[in-house]
Amino acid sequence: MPENITAPANSQTALERAESLILEIPDYPSSGILFRDITPLLGDAAAFRATVDALIAPFAGQFDVVAGLEARGFLFASAAAYASGAGLMPVRKAGKLPRPAAKVDYALEYGVAVVEAHNDFPRGSRVLVIDDVLATGGTLVAAHALMAELGYEVAGTSVLFEIADLGGRAALNDPQLHTVFHS
C-alpha cells in the first residue's frame, strides 16, 4: 500500500472522504454546466474502494453481470465486477464495438444518441447497471431497454452521484435505483 494512503476507520468515514474528493468545475465542458470531477476520488484508494463497495452492497448476490456505461461508468463497473466476481459488459456509444451488437436509440436535448452492447451472456442473466452520474436519466433508460432487448434481467441500477433537480430518477422509474451521493 502506498505510504500516503491510510485506511479509514470505517466505511462511512471513507464515503464522507470520497464525497469530499468530488470536485465541482463550473462551466465545463460548456457554459452553465457544473461538472463533477471524480479523478481525485479515483486517486484515493480507500475512497475508491468505499465507493465501489457502496455501489454493489445493496445488490450483493443478486447479479451475475455488471454493465458499465461509457465512459466514466466503465471505471466503477470494472472495479465492481472484479470485487463481486461478476462478468463485465461495456455499454458503448454507437460504432465502438467490433462485432454486431444490439442497439437502442435515445433522445438527447438536440438529437438522438445510440447505446449498444454485445450479446455475450446467457438470456436471463441478472445485470447490475452502473454509471457515474444520474442526471436526466436518458442514458440509463436506454441501457435498461438494451438489457431487455438482449433478454437480460436488470437486477438493479447503481450510480455514484445523482443530480436530483434534473429528474433522472422519475425518468428511470426504477425501484431498485441506488445512488451513493446526491445533490
N, C-alpha and C. Protein backbone atom coordinates (compact mmCIF):
# COMPACT_ATOMS: atom_id res chain seq x y z
N MET A 1 0.85 -1.18 0.00
CA MET A 1 0.00 0.00 0.00
C MET A 1 0.89 1.24 0.00
N PRO A 2 0.65 2.21 -0.90
CA PRO A 2 1.47 3.42 -0.91
C PRO A 2 1.44 4.13 0.44
N GLU A 3 2.53 4.81 0.77
CA GLU A 3 2.66 5.47 2.07
C GLU A 3 1.58 6.51 2.34
N ASN A 4 1.15 7.24 1.31
CA ASN A 4 0.23 8.35 1.52
C ASN A 4 -1.22 7.92 1.64
N ILE A 5 -1.49 6.61 1.61
CA ILE A 5 -2.86 6.14 1.69
C ILE A 5 -3.05 5.38 2.99
N THR A 6 -4.02 5.83 3.77
CA THR A 6 -4.33 5.14 5.01
C THR A 6 -5.77 4.69 4.97
N ALA A 7 -6.02 3.53 5.48
CA ALA A 7 -7.39 3.01 5.52
C ALA A 7 -8.19 3.77 6.57
N PRO A 8 -9.40 4.20 6.24
CA PRO A 8 -10.22 4.91 7.20
C PRO A 8 -10.73 3.96 8.28
N ALA A 9 -11.21 4.53 9.38
CA ALA A 9 -11.70 3.73 10.49
C ALA A 9 -12.93 2.92 10.12
N ASN A 10 -13.80 3.46 9.28
CA ASN A 10 -14.99 2.72 8.85
C ASN A 10 -15.43 3.19 7.48
N SER A 11 -16.37 2.46 6.90
CA SER A 11 -16.78 2.78 5.53
C SER A 11 -17.49 4.12 5.44
N GLN A 12 -18.22 4.53 6.48
CA GLN A 12 -18.88 5.83 6.44
C GLN A 12 -17.84 6.94 6.35
N THR A 13 -16.77 6.83 7.12
CA THR A 13 -15.70 7.82 7.05
C THR A 13 -15.10 7.84 5.65
N ALA A 14 -14.90 6.68 5.07
CA ALA A 14 -14.35 6.60 3.72
C ALA A 14 -15.29 7.21 2.71
N LEU A 15 -16.60 6.99 2.85
CA LEU A 15 -17.56 7.58 1.92
C LEU A 15 -17.62 9.10 2.07
N GLU A 16 -17.54 9.58 3.30
CA GLU A 16 -17.51 11.03 3.50
C GLU A 16 -16.28 11.62 2.83
N ARG A 17 -15.15 10.97 2.98
CA ARG A 17 -13.92 11.43 2.31
C ARG A 17 -14.10 11.37 0.80
N ALA A 18 -14.66 10.28 0.30
CA ALA A 18 -14.87 10.13 -1.14
C ALA A 18 -15.72 11.28 -1.68
N GLU A 19 -16.79 11.59 -0.99
CA GLU A 19 -17.66 12.68 -1.46
C GLU A 19 -16.91 14.01 -1.47
N SER A 20 -16.07 14.22 -0.47
CA SER A 20 -15.31 15.48 -0.41
C SER A 20 -14.29 15.59 -1.54
N LEU A 21 -13.93 14.46 -2.14
CA LEU A 21 -12.95 14.46 -3.23
C LEU A 21 -13.56 14.73 -4.60
N ILE A 22 -14.89 14.73 -4.70
CA ILE A 22 -15.54 15.04 -5.97
C ILE A 22 -15.56 16.56 -6.12
N LEU A 23 -14.83 17.04 -7.10
CA LEU A 23 -14.70 18.49 -7.30
C LEU A 23 -15.78 19.00 -8.25
N GLU A 24 -16.27 20.19 -7.98
CA GLU A 24 -17.24 20.84 -8.86
C GLU A 24 -16.52 21.85 -9.73
N ILE A 25 -16.63 21.67 -11.04
CA ILE A 25 -15.97 22.53 -12.01
C ILE A 25 -17.05 23.29 -12.78
N PRO A 26 -17.21 24.59 -12.50
CA PRO A 26 -18.25 25.35 -13.20
C PRO A 26 -17.91 25.60 -14.67
N ASP A 27 -18.96 25.64 -15.48
CA ASP A 27 -18.85 25.97 -16.90
C ASP A 27 -17.94 25.01 -17.69
N TYR A 28 -17.97 23.73 -17.30
CA TYR A 28 -17.23 22.72 -18.05
C TYR A 28 -18.17 21.55 -18.32
N PRO A 29 -18.25 21.06 -19.51
CA PRO A 29 -17.49 21.39 -20.71
C PRO A 29 -18.04 22.59 -21.47
N SER A 30 -19.17 23.13 -21.00
CA SER A 30 -19.71 24.34 -21.64
C SER A 30 -20.36 25.22 -20.58
N SER A 31 -20.63 26.44 -20.96
CA SER A 31 -21.20 27.42 -20.05
C SER A 31 -22.52 26.92 -19.45
N GLY A 32 -22.66 27.11 -18.14
CA GLY A 32 -23.88 26.72 -17.45
C GLY A 32 -23.88 25.31 -16.91
N ILE A 33 -22.85 24.53 -17.21
CA ILE A 33 -22.75 23.15 -16.73
C ILE A 33 -21.85 23.12 -15.50
N LEU A 34 -22.28 22.40 -14.47
CA LEU A 34 -21.45 22.19 -13.28
C LEU A 34 -20.96 20.74 -13.33
N PHE A 35 -19.72 20.56 -13.76
CA PHE A 35 -19.14 19.24 -13.97
C PHE A 35 -18.62 18.68 -12.66
N ARG A 36 -18.85 17.39 -12.42
CA ARG A 36 -18.31 16.71 -11.23
C ARG A 36 -17.06 15.94 -11.66
N ASP A 37 -15.91 16.39 -11.17
CA ASP A 37 -14.63 15.76 -11.48
C ASP A 37 -14.34 14.69 -10.44
N ILE A 38 -14.34 13.43 -10.87
CA ILE A 38 -14.14 12.31 -9.96
C ILE A 38 -12.68 11.84 -9.90
N THR A 39 -11.79 12.47 -10.66
CA THR A 39 -10.42 11.96 -10.70
C THR A 39 -9.72 11.99 -9.33
N PRO A 40 -9.95 12.99 -8.47
CA PRO A 40 -9.33 12.89 -7.14
C PRO A 40 -9.84 11.69 -6.33
N LEU A 41 -11.11 11.37 -6.46
CA LEU A 41 -11.68 10.20 -5.79
C LEU A 41 -11.01 8.93 -6.30
N LEU A 42 -10.84 8.83 -7.61
CA LEU A 42 -10.22 7.64 -8.20
C LEU A 42 -8.78 7.46 -7.71
N GLY A 43 -8.11 8.56 -7.41
CA GLY A 43 -6.72 8.51 -6.97
C GLY A 43 -6.53 8.15 -5.51
N ASP A 44 -7.60 8.13 -4.75
CA ASP A 44 -7.53 7.79 -3.33
C ASP A 44 -8.04 6.36 -3.16
N ALA A 45 -7.14 5.43 -2.89
CA ALA A 45 -7.50 4.01 -2.87
C ALA A 45 -8.63 3.69 -1.90
N ALA A 46 -8.58 4.23 -0.70
CA ALA A 46 -9.61 3.93 0.30
C ALA A 46 -10.96 4.51 -0.12
N ALA A 47 -10.95 5.71 -0.66
CA ALA A 47 -12.20 6.34 -1.10
C ALA A 47 -12.78 5.59 -2.30
N PHE A 48 -11.92 5.21 -3.24
CA PHE A 48 -12.38 4.48 -4.41
C PHE A 48 -12.98 3.13 -4.00
N ARG A 49 -12.29 2.42 -3.13
CA ARG A 49 -12.80 1.13 -2.65
C ARG A 49 -14.15 1.30 -1.96
N ALA A 50 -14.27 2.33 -1.12
CA ALA A 50 -15.53 2.55 -0.40
C ALA A 50 -16.68 2.83 -1.36
N THR A 51 -16.41 3.60 -2.41
CA THR A 51 -17.50 3.91 -3.36
C THR A 51 -17.88 2.67 -4.16
N VAL A 52 -16.91 1.87 -4.56
CA VAL A 52 -17.23 0.64 -5.29
C VAL A 52 -18.04 -0.29 -4.40
N ASP A 53 -17.61 -0.44 -3.15
CA ASP A 53 -18.36 -1.29 -2.21
C ASP A 53 -19.78 -0.76 -2.02
N ALA A 54 -19.93 0.56 -1.93
CA ALA A 54 -21.26 1.15 -1.74
C ALA A 54 -22.14 0.97 -2.97
N LEU A 55 -21.55 0.96 -4.15
CA LEU A 55 -22.32 0.75 -5.38
C LEU A 55 -22.91 -0.66 -5.46
N ILE A 56 -22.17 -1.66 -4.97
CA ILE A 56 -22.63 -3.04 -5.13
C ILE A 56 -23.33 -3.61 -3.90
N ALA A 57 -23.10 -3.05 -2.72
CA ALA A 57 -23.62 -3.63 -1.47
C ALA A 57 -25.13 -3.90 -1.48
N PRO A 58 -25.97 -2.97 -1.96
CA PRO A 58 -27.42 -3.25 -1.90
C PRO A 58 -27.85 -4.41 -2.79
N PHE A 59 -26.99 -4.84 -3.69
CA PHE A 59 -27.36 -5.86 -4.67
C PHE A 59 -26.53 -7.14 -4.52
N ALA A 60 -25.83 -7.28 -3.40
CA ALA A 60 -24.95 -8.43 -3.20
C ALA A 60 -25.71 -9.74 -3.42
N GLY A 61 -25.14 -10.61 -4.24
CA GLY A 61 -25.73 -11.91 -4.52
C GLY A 61 -26.90 -11.89 -5.48
N GLN A 62 -27.25 -10.72 -6.02
CA GLN A 62 -28.43 -10.60 -6.87
C GLN A 62 -28.09 -10.42 -8.35
N PHE A 63 -26.80 -10.42 -8.72
CA PHE A 63 -26.43 -10.19 -10.12
C PHE A 63 -25.28 -11.09 -10.54
N ASP A 64 -25.24 -11.34 -11.86
CA ASP A 64 -24.20 -12.17 -12.46
C ASP A 64 -23.24 -11.35 -13.31
N VAL A 65 -23.73 -10.19 -13.75
CA VAL A 65 -23.01 -9.34 -14.70
C VAL A 65 -23.13 -7.90 -14.24
N VAL A 66 -22.06 -7.13 -14.44
CA VAL A 66 -22.12 -5.68 -14.21
C VAL A 66 -22.00 -5.00 -15.56
N ALA A 67 -22.97 -4.16 -15.88
CA ALA A 67 -22.93 -3.36 -17.11
C ALA A 67 -22.47 -1.96 -16.76
N GLY A 68 -21.42 -1.51 -17.42
CA GLY A 68 -20.89 -0.16 -17.20
C GLY A 68 -21.15 0.71 -18.40
N LEU A 69 -21.65 1.92 -18.16
CA LEU A 69 -21.98 2.84 -19.25
C LEU A 69 -20.77 3.71 -19.58
N GLU A 70 -20.54 3.87 -20.88
CA GLU A 70 -19.42 4.68 -21.37
C GLU A 70 -19.61 6.13 -20.94
N ALA A 71 -18.60 6.78 -20.51
CA ALA A 71 -17.23 6.33 -20.34
C ALA A 71 -16.89 6.16 -18.87
N ARG A 72 -17.29 7.11 -18.02
CA ARG A 72 -16.86 7.04 -16.63
C ARG A 72 -17.52 5.89 -15.87
N GLY A 73 -18.65 5.42 -16.34
CA GLY A 73 -19.26 4.24 -15.73
C GLY A 73 -18.38 3.01 -15.83
N PHE A 74 -17.53 2.97 -16.88
CA PHE A 74 -16.60 1.84 -17.04
C PHE A 74 -15.68 1.71 -15.83
N LEU A 75 -15.24 2.85 -15.30
CA LEU A 75 -14.27 2.83 -14.20
C LEU A 75 -14.84 2.13 -12.98
N PHE A 76 -16.07 2.48 -12.63
CA PHE A 76 -16.70 1.90 -11.44
C PHE A 76 -17.21 0.49 -11.71
N ALA A 77 -17.76 0.27 -12.90
CA ALA A 77 -18.29 -1.05 -13.24
C ALA A 77 -17.18 -2.10 -13.29
N SER A 78 -16.03 -1.74 -13.83
CA SER A 78 -14.91 -2.70 -13.89
C SER A 78 -14.49 -3.11 -12.49
N ALA A 79 -14.33 -2.14 -11.62
CA ALA A 79 -13.94 -2.44 -10.24
C ALA A 79 -15.03 -3.22 -9.52
N ALA A 80 -16.29 -2.89 -9.78
CA ALA A 80 -17.41 -3.59 -9.15
C ALA A 80 -17.49 -5.04 -9.62
N ALA A 81 -17.28 -5.26 -10.91
CA ALA A 81 -17.30 -6.62 -11.44
C ALA A 81 -16.19 -7.45 -10.80
N TYR A 82 -15.01 -6.88 -10.72
CA TYR A 82 -13.88 -7.58 -10.10
C TYR A 82 -14.17 -7.89 -8.63
N ALA A 83 -14.64 -6.87 -7.89
CA ALA A 83 -14.89 -7.03 -6.46
C ALA A 83 -15.96 -8.06 -6.16
N SER A 84 -16.93 -8.19 -7.05
CA SER A 84 -18.06 -9.09 -6.81
C SER A 84 -17.91 -10.44 -7.52
N GLY A 85 -16.87 -10.60 -8.32
CA GLY A 85 -16.68 -11.84 -9.05
C GLY A 85 -17.65 -12.02 -10.20
N ALA A 86 -18.16 -10.92 -10.73
CA ALA A 86 -19.13 -10.96 -11.83
C ALA A 86 -18.44 -10.64 -13.15
N GLY A 87 -19.14 -10.95 -14.24
CA GLY A 87 -18.66 -10.56 -15.56
C GLY A 87 -18.91 -9.07 -15.79
N LEU A 88 -18.24 -8.53 -16.80
CA LEU A 88 -18.38 -7.11 -17.14
C LEU A 88 -18.92 -6.96 -18.55
N MET A 89 -19.92 -6.11 -18.70
CA MET A 89 -20.49 -5.80 -20.01
C MET A 89 -20.35 -4.30 -20.27
N PRO A 90 -19.49 -3.91 -21.21
CA PRO A 90 -19.43 -2.49 -21.57
C PRO A 90 -20.64 -2.10 -22.41
N VAL A 91 -21.30 -1.04 -22.02
CA VAL A 91 -22.39 -0.45 -22.81
C VAL A 91 -21.77 0.77 -23.48
N ARG A 92 -21.64 0.68 -24.82
CA ARG A 92 -20.87 1.65 -25.57
C ARG A 92 -21.74 2.61 -26.37
N LYS A 93 -21.14 3.71 -26.77
CA LYS A 93 -21.76 4.60 -27.74
C LYS A 93 -21.70 3.93 -29.10
N ALA A 94 -22.52 4.38 -30.01
CA ALA A 94 -22.63 3.76 -31.34
C ALA A 94 -21.28 3.70 -32.05
N GLY A 95 -21.06 2.56 -32.72
CA GLY A 95 -19.89 2.41 -33.57
C GLY A 95 -18.60 2.07 -32.86
N LYS A 96 -18.65 1.76 -31.58
CA LYS A 96 -17.43 1.49 -30.82
C LYS A 96 -17.14 0.01 -30.63
N LEU A 97 -18.09 -0.85 -31.01
CA LEU A 97 -17.90 -2.29 -30.82
C LEU A 97 -17.52 -2.96 -32.14
N PRO A 98 -16.61 -3.94 -32.10
CA PRO A 98 -16.10 -4.54 -33.34
C PRO A 98 -16.99 -5.59 -33.98
N ARG A 99 -17.97 -6.11 -33.26
CA ARG A 99 -18.87 -7.14 -33.79
C ARG A 99 -20.29 -6.60 -33.82
N PRO A 100 -21.18 -7.29 -34.51
CA PRO A 100 -22.59 -6.87 -34.47
C PRO A 100 -23.07 -6.81 -33.02
N ALA A 101 -23.90 -5.81 -32.74
CA ALA A 101 -24.34 -5.57 -31.37
C ALA A 101 -25.80 -5.13 -31.36
N ALA A 102 -26.45 -5.36 -30.23
CA ALA A 102 -27.81 -4.83 -30.03
C ALA A 102 -27.69 -3.33 -29.80
N LYS A 103 -28.67 -2.57 -30.30
CA LYS A 103 -28.61 -1.11 -30.22
C LYS A 103 -29.95 -0.56 -29.77
N VAL A 104 -29.89 0.54 -29.02
CA VAL A 104 -31.09 1.26 -28.60
C VAL A 104 -30.83 2.74 -28.79
N ASP A 105 -31.76 3.42 -29.45
CA ASP A 105 -31.70 4.88 -29.62
C ASP A 105 -32.32 5.56 -28.41
N TYR A 106 -31.83 6.75 -28.10
CA TYR A 106 -32.47 7.55 -27.06
C TYR A 106 -32.32 9.02 -27.41
N ALA A 107 -33.27 9.81 -26.93
CA ALA A 107 -33.32 11.23 -27.27
C ALA A 107 -32.35 12.04 -26.42
N LEU A 108 -31.69 12.96 -27.08
CA LEU A 108 -30.89 13.98 -26.41
C LEU A 108 -31.64 15.30 -26.55
N GLU A 109 -31.15 16.32 -25.86
CA GLU A 109 -31.81 17.62 -25.97
C GLU A 109 -31.87 18.09 -27.42
N TYR A 110 -30.80 17.84 -28.18
CA TYR A 110 -30.75 18.27 -29.58
C TYR A 110 -30.33 17.11 -30.47
N GLY A 111 -31.12 16.05 -30.51
CA GLY A 111 -30.80 14.95 -31.40
C GLY A 111 -31.05 13.60 -30.77
N VAL A 112 -30.41 12.60 -31.35
CA VAL A 112 -30.58 11.21 -30.92
C VAL A 112 -29.20 10.59 -30.73
N ALA A 113 -29.08 9.76 -29.71
CA ALA A 113 -27.84 9.01 -29.48
C ALA A 113 -28.19 7.53 -29.45
N VAL A 114 -27.16 6.70 -29.49
CA VAL A 114 -27.35 5.25 -29.51
C VAL A 114 -26.39 4.62 -28.50
N VAL A 115 -26.90 3.63 -27.77
CA VAL A 115 -26.04 2.78 -26.95
C VAL A 115 -26.13 1.37 -27.50
N GLU A 116 -25.03 0.62 -27.34
CA GLU A 116 -25.01 -0.73 -27.86
C GLU A 116 -24.18 -1.63 -26.96
N ALA A 117 -24.46 -2.93 -27.07
CA ALA A 117 -23.71 -3.93 -26.30
C ALA A 117 -23.75 -5.25 -27.05
N HIS A 118 -22.71 -6.05 -26.85
CA HIS A 118 -22.68 -7.40 -27.41
C HIS A 118 -23.57 -8.33 -26.59
N ASN A 119 -24.03 -9.37 -27.23
CA ASN A 119 -24.85 -10.38 -26.57
C ASN A 119 -23.94 -11.53 -26.13
N ASP A 120 -23.14 -11.29 -25.10
CA ASP A 120 -22.13 -12.25 -24.66
C ASP A 120 -22.53 -13.09 -23.46
N PHE A 121 -23.73 -12.88 -22.94
CA PHE A 121 -24.16 -13.58 -21.73
C PHE A 121 -25.45 -14.34 -22.00
N PRO A 122 -25.73 -15.38 -21.23
CA PRO A 122 -26.97 -16.15 -21.46
C PRO A 122 -28.21 -15.31 -21.20
N ARG A 123 -29.27 -15.59 -21.97
CA ARG A 123 -30.55 -14.93 -21.72
C ARG A 123 -30.93 -15.17 -20.26
N GLY A 124 -31.54 -14.18 -19.65
CA GLY A 124 -31.93 -14.28 -18.25
C GLY A 124 -30.84 -13.88 -17.28
N SER A 125 -29.65 -13.54 -17.78
CA SER A 125 -28.59 -13.09 -16.88
C SER A 125 -29.07 -11.88 -16.08
N ARG A 126 -28.68 -11.85 -14.82
CA ARG A 126 -29.07 -10.75 -13.93
C ARG A 126 -27.97 -9.69 -13.96
N VAL A 127 -28.35 -8.48 -14.34
CA VAL A 127 -27.38 -7.42 -14.61
C VAL A 127 -27.54 -6.26 -13.63
N LEU A 128 -26.43 -5.84 -13.04
CA LEU A 128 -26.38 -4.61 -12.26
C LEU A 128 -25.82 -3.54 -13.19
N VAL A 129 -26.61 -2.51 -13.45
CA VAL A 129 -26.21 -1.41 -14.34
C VAL A 129 -25.56 -0.33 -13.49
N ILE A 130 -24.35 0.09 -13.87
CA ILE A 130 -23.61 1.10 -13.11
C ILE A 130 -23.20 2.25 -14.02
N ASP A 131 -23.42 3.46 -13.50
CA ASP A 131 -22.92 4.67 -14.17
C ASP A 131 -22.42 5.63 -13.11
N ASP A 132 -21.71 6.65 -13.55
CA ASP A 132 -21.16 7.60 -12.60
C ASP A 132 -22.19 8.63 -12.14
N VAL A 133 -22.99 9.16 -13.07
CA VAL A 133 -23.93 10.24 -12.73
C VAL A 133 -25.31 9.94 -13.28
N LEU A 134 -26.32 10.20 -12.48
CA LEU A 134 -27.71 10.19 -12.94
C LEU A 134 -28.13 11.65 -13.03
N ALA A 135 -28.36 12.11 -14.25
CA ALA A 135 -28.82 13.49 -14.47
C ALA A 135 -30.26 13.43 -14.98
N THR A 136 -30.45 13.47 -16.29
CA THR A 136 -31.81 13.41 -16.86
C THR A 136 -32.32 11.97 -16.98
N GLY A 137 -31.43 11.01 -16.93
CA GLY A 137 -31.82 9.61 -16.97
C GLY A 137 -31.84 8.98 -18.34
N GLY A 138 -31.63 9.75 -19.39
CA GLY A 138 -31.75 9.23 -20.75
C GLY A 138 -30.86 8.05 -21.05
N THR A 139 -29.61 8.11 -20.66
CA THR A 139 -28.68 7.03 -20.95
C THR A 139 -29.04 5.77 -20.17
N LEU A 140 -29.43 5.93 -18.91
CA LEU A 140 -29.80 4.77 -18.11
C LEU A 140 -31.11 4.14 -18.59
N VAL A 141 -32.06 4.96 -19.01
CA VAL A 141 -33.30 4.42 -19.58
C VAL A 141 -32.97 3.59 -20.82
N ALA A 142 -32.08 4.11 -21.67
CA ALA A 142 -31.67 3.38 -22.87
C ALA A 142 -30.94 2.09 -22.49
N ALA A 143 -30.10 2.14 -21.47
CA ALA A 143 -29.38 0.94 -21.04
C ALA A 143 -30.36 -0.13 -20.55
N HIS A 144 -31.39 0.27 -19.83
CA HIS A 144 -32.41 -0.69 -19.38
C HIS A 144 -33.11 -1.31 -20.59
N ALA A 145 -33.46 -0.49 -21.57
CA ALA A 145 -34.11 -1.01 -22.78
C ALA A 145 -33.18 -1.98 -23.52
N LEU A 146 -31.90 -1.66 -23.53
CA LEU A 146 -30.91 -2.53 -24.17
C LEU A 146 -30.82 -3.88 -23.45
N MET A 147 -30.84 -3.86 -22.13
CA MET A 147 -30.81 -5.11 -21.37
C MET A 147 -32.03 -5.97 -21.71
N ALA A 148 -33.20 -5.33 -21.79
CA ALA A 148 -34.43 -6.06 -22.14
C ALA A 148 -34.33 -6.65 -23.54
N GLU A 149 -33.80 -5.87 -24.48
CA GLU A 149 -33.65 -6.35 -25.85
C GLU A 149 -32.73 -7.57 -25.92
N LEU A 150 -31.73 -7.59 -25.07
CA LEU A 150 -30.78 -8.71 -25.04
C LEU A 150 -31.30 -9.91 -24.25
N GLY A 151 -32.44 -9.74 -23.59
CA GLY A 151 -33.01 -10.83 -22.80
C GLY A 151 -32.44 -10.95 -21.41
N TYR A 152 -31.85 -9.86 -20.90
CA TYR A 152 -31.27 -9.86 -19.57
C TYR A 152 -32.25 -9.23 -18.59
N GLU A 153 -32.11 -9.58 -17.32
CA GLU A 153 -32.92 -9.01 -16.25
C GLU A 153 -32.10 -7.94 -15.54
N VAL A 154 -32.65 -6.74 -15.40
CA VAL A 154 -31.96 -5.70 -14.64
C VAL A 154 -32.20 -5.98 -13.16
N ALA A 155 -31.14 -6.37 -12.47
CA ALA A 155 -31.22 -6.67 -11.04
C ALA A 155 -31.22 -5.39 -10.22
N GLY A 156 -30.67 -4.33 -10.78
CA GLY A 156 -30.61 -3.06 -10.09
C GLY A 156 -29.79 -2.07 -10.88
N THR A 157 -29.88 -0.83 -10.45
CA THR A 157 -29.12 0.26 -11.06
C THR A 157 -28.43 1.00 -9.94
N SER A 158 -27.15 1.25 -10.10
CA SER A 158 -26.39 1.93 -9.07
C SER A 158 -25.56 3.03 -9.71
N VAL A 159 -25.66 4.23 -9.15
CA VAL A 159 -24.89 5.37 -9.66
C VAL A 159 -24.12 6.02 -8.53
N LEU A 160 -22.99 6.58 -8.87
CA LEU A 160 -22.16 7.26 -7.88
C LEU A 160 -22.84 8.53 -7.39
N PHE A 161 -23.37 9.33 -8.32
CA PHE A 161 -23.84 10.67 -7.97
C PHE A 161 -25.14 10.98 -8.70
N GLU A 162 -26.15 11.42 -7.96
CA GLU A 162 -27.43 11.80 -8.57
C GLU A 162 -27.62 13.31 -8.47
N ILE A 163 -27.92 13.93 -9.60
CA ILE A 163 -28.27 15.35 -9.62
C ILE A 163 -29.80 15.40 -9.62
N ALA A 164 -30.37 15.50 -8.43
CA ALA A 164 -31.81 15.30 -8.23
C ALA A 164 -32.68 16.27 -9.02
N ASP A 165 -32.24 17.51 -9.17
CA ASP A 165 -33.06 18.53 -9.84
C ASP A 165 -33.29 18.26 -11.33
N LEU A 166 -32.56 17.34 -11.92
CA LEU A 166 -32.68 17.10 -13.36
C LEU A 166 -33.68 16.00 -13.72
N GLY A 167 -34.29 15.37 -12.72
CA GLY A 167 -35.41 14.46 -12.96
C GLY A 167 -35.08 13.08 -13.44
N GLY A 168 -33.84 12.66 -13.34
CA GLY A 168 -33.46 11.34 -13.83
C GLY A 168 -34.13 10.19 -13.10
N ARG A 169 -34.34 10.33 -11.81
CA ARG A 169 -34.97 9.26 -11.02
C ARG A 169 -36.38 8.99 -11.54
N ALA A 170 -37.14 10.05 -11.79
CA ALA A 170 -38.51 9.88 -12.30
C ALA A 170 -38.49 9.29 -13.71
N ALA A 171 -37.56 9.73 -14.54
CA ALA A 171 -37.48 9.21 -15.91
C ALA A 171 -37.13 7.73 -15.91
N LEU A 172 -36.23 7.33 -15.04
CA LEU A 172 -35.80 5.93 -14.98
C LEU A 172 -36.89 5.04 -14.37
N ASN A 173 -37.57 5.57 -13.36
CA ASN A 173 -38.67 4.83 -12.72
C ASN A 173 -38.24 3.42 -12.34
N ASP A 174 -37.13 3.31 -11.63
CA ASP A 174 -36.57 2.02 -11.22
C ASP A 174 -36.60 1.92 -9.70
N PRO A 175 -37.45 1.07 -9.14
CA PRO A 175 -37.49 0.95 -7.68
C PRO A 175 -36.20 0.39 -7.10
N GLN A 176 -35.36 -0.21 -7.94
CA GLN A 176 -34.08 -0.75 -7.49
C GLN A 176 -32.93 0.23 -7.68
N LEU A 177 -33.23 1.51 -7.92
CA LEU A 177 -32.18 2.52 -8.11
C LEU A 177 -31.50 2.83 -6.79
N HIS A 178 -30.17 2.78 -6.82
CA HIS A 178 -29.37 3.13 -5.64
C HIS A 178 -28.37 4.20 -6.05
N THR A 179 -28.30 5.27 -5.26
CA THR A 179 -27.30 6.30 -5.50
C THR A 179 -26.46 6.45 -4.24
N VAL A 180 -25.16 6.64 -4.44
CA VAL A 180 -24.25 6.79 -3.32
C VAL A 180 -24.27 8.22 -2.80
N PHE A 181 -24.17 9.20 -3.71
CA PHE A 181 -24.18 10.61 -3.33
C PHE A 181 -25.28 11.34 -4.08
N HIS A 182 -25.80 12.43 -3.48
CA HIS A 182 -26.89 13.21 -4.07
C HIS A 182 -26.55 14.69 -4.03
N SER A 183 -27.16 15.43 -4.95
CA SER A 183 -27.05 16.90 -4.86
C SER A 183 -28.44 17.47 -4.76
